[in-house]
Amino acid sequence: MAAILLVQSFLASIGRTVLGVCRGAGSIAIFGADGVSHIFRPPYYPAEFGRQLLRIGWFSLPVVGLTALFTGAALALQIYAGGARFNAESVVPSIVAIGMTRELGPVLGGLMVAGRVSASVAAELGTMRVTEQIDALTTLSTNPMKYLVAPRLLAATLALPALVAVGDAIGIMGGMLVGVARLGFNPAVYIQNTVDFLEVMDVVSGLVKAAVFGFIIALMGCYMGYHSDRGAQGVGRATTNAVVSASILILAANYFLTEFFFAGA
């Protein structure tokens, strides 16, 4: 009898976990759909959208640029060291370009922005929830979803592809600097190899990934902050959950998008 109760308790705990995950996923999906719907319905708040575009895009450029620069440089060294085992050192320019545009540029850029933006958005909205500023917006006949959530979702979705495009260029330049200064490549040959082997789909797939990652970053930051618990602990927990959930979803979405773009390649 005790064994049966133990098994039932174990299965019940699994069931509660699964139901909790499904409930959370459904809540996030409904929240995201509601936020997207407000993007296309008036009234609009262009000034708030501009502020968020500046905060998410322009102010994230230094961290994305530095990440891409050192990633491209390290990638060139690693590919050269691996290619030397098979007398294939000449593949360094093409692999650096493909690796940065397809994977490393959007993924690392997304993760860096997630750490910066998701935490910031969750902390800001969580503090507004704790101090009842969100309730005050409703009292003033201002829809919080339209004023707080929709501009952030749109700004992040548009800003991330631009950041990743710049990051891709900086990463490829970092690989070129190492290739020319440390590995003995001719600059003209390096650039020509990069142009010859880089295809349009490599760049487009990375930019599409960046747009999806930007939406995920803003969505998780807004959701966790909007539903933050009361008190300082609640805001801290919301901030942590926003960064962790955004990072995990970025990696999961990256796999499915890669499967979609390159499964038949």
Foldseek 3Di string as FASTA:
>chain_A
DVVVVVVVVVVVVVVVVVVVVVVVVVVLVVLLVVLQVLLPDDDADVVLLVVLLCVLAVVLLVVLLVQLLVVLQVQLVVCCVVCVVVVRNLCSLQCSLLCLQAPVLQLVSLLSSLLVPLLVLLLVLQVCVQVVVCVVCVVVVHHCSNNRQNSQLVSLLVRQLVSSVSSSVSNSVSNLVCCVPPVPDDSVSSVVSNVVNDDPLSNVLSSNLRSVLSNLSSSLSNVLNNPFDHDPVSSVVSSVRSSVVSSVVSVVVSVVSCCVSPVPD
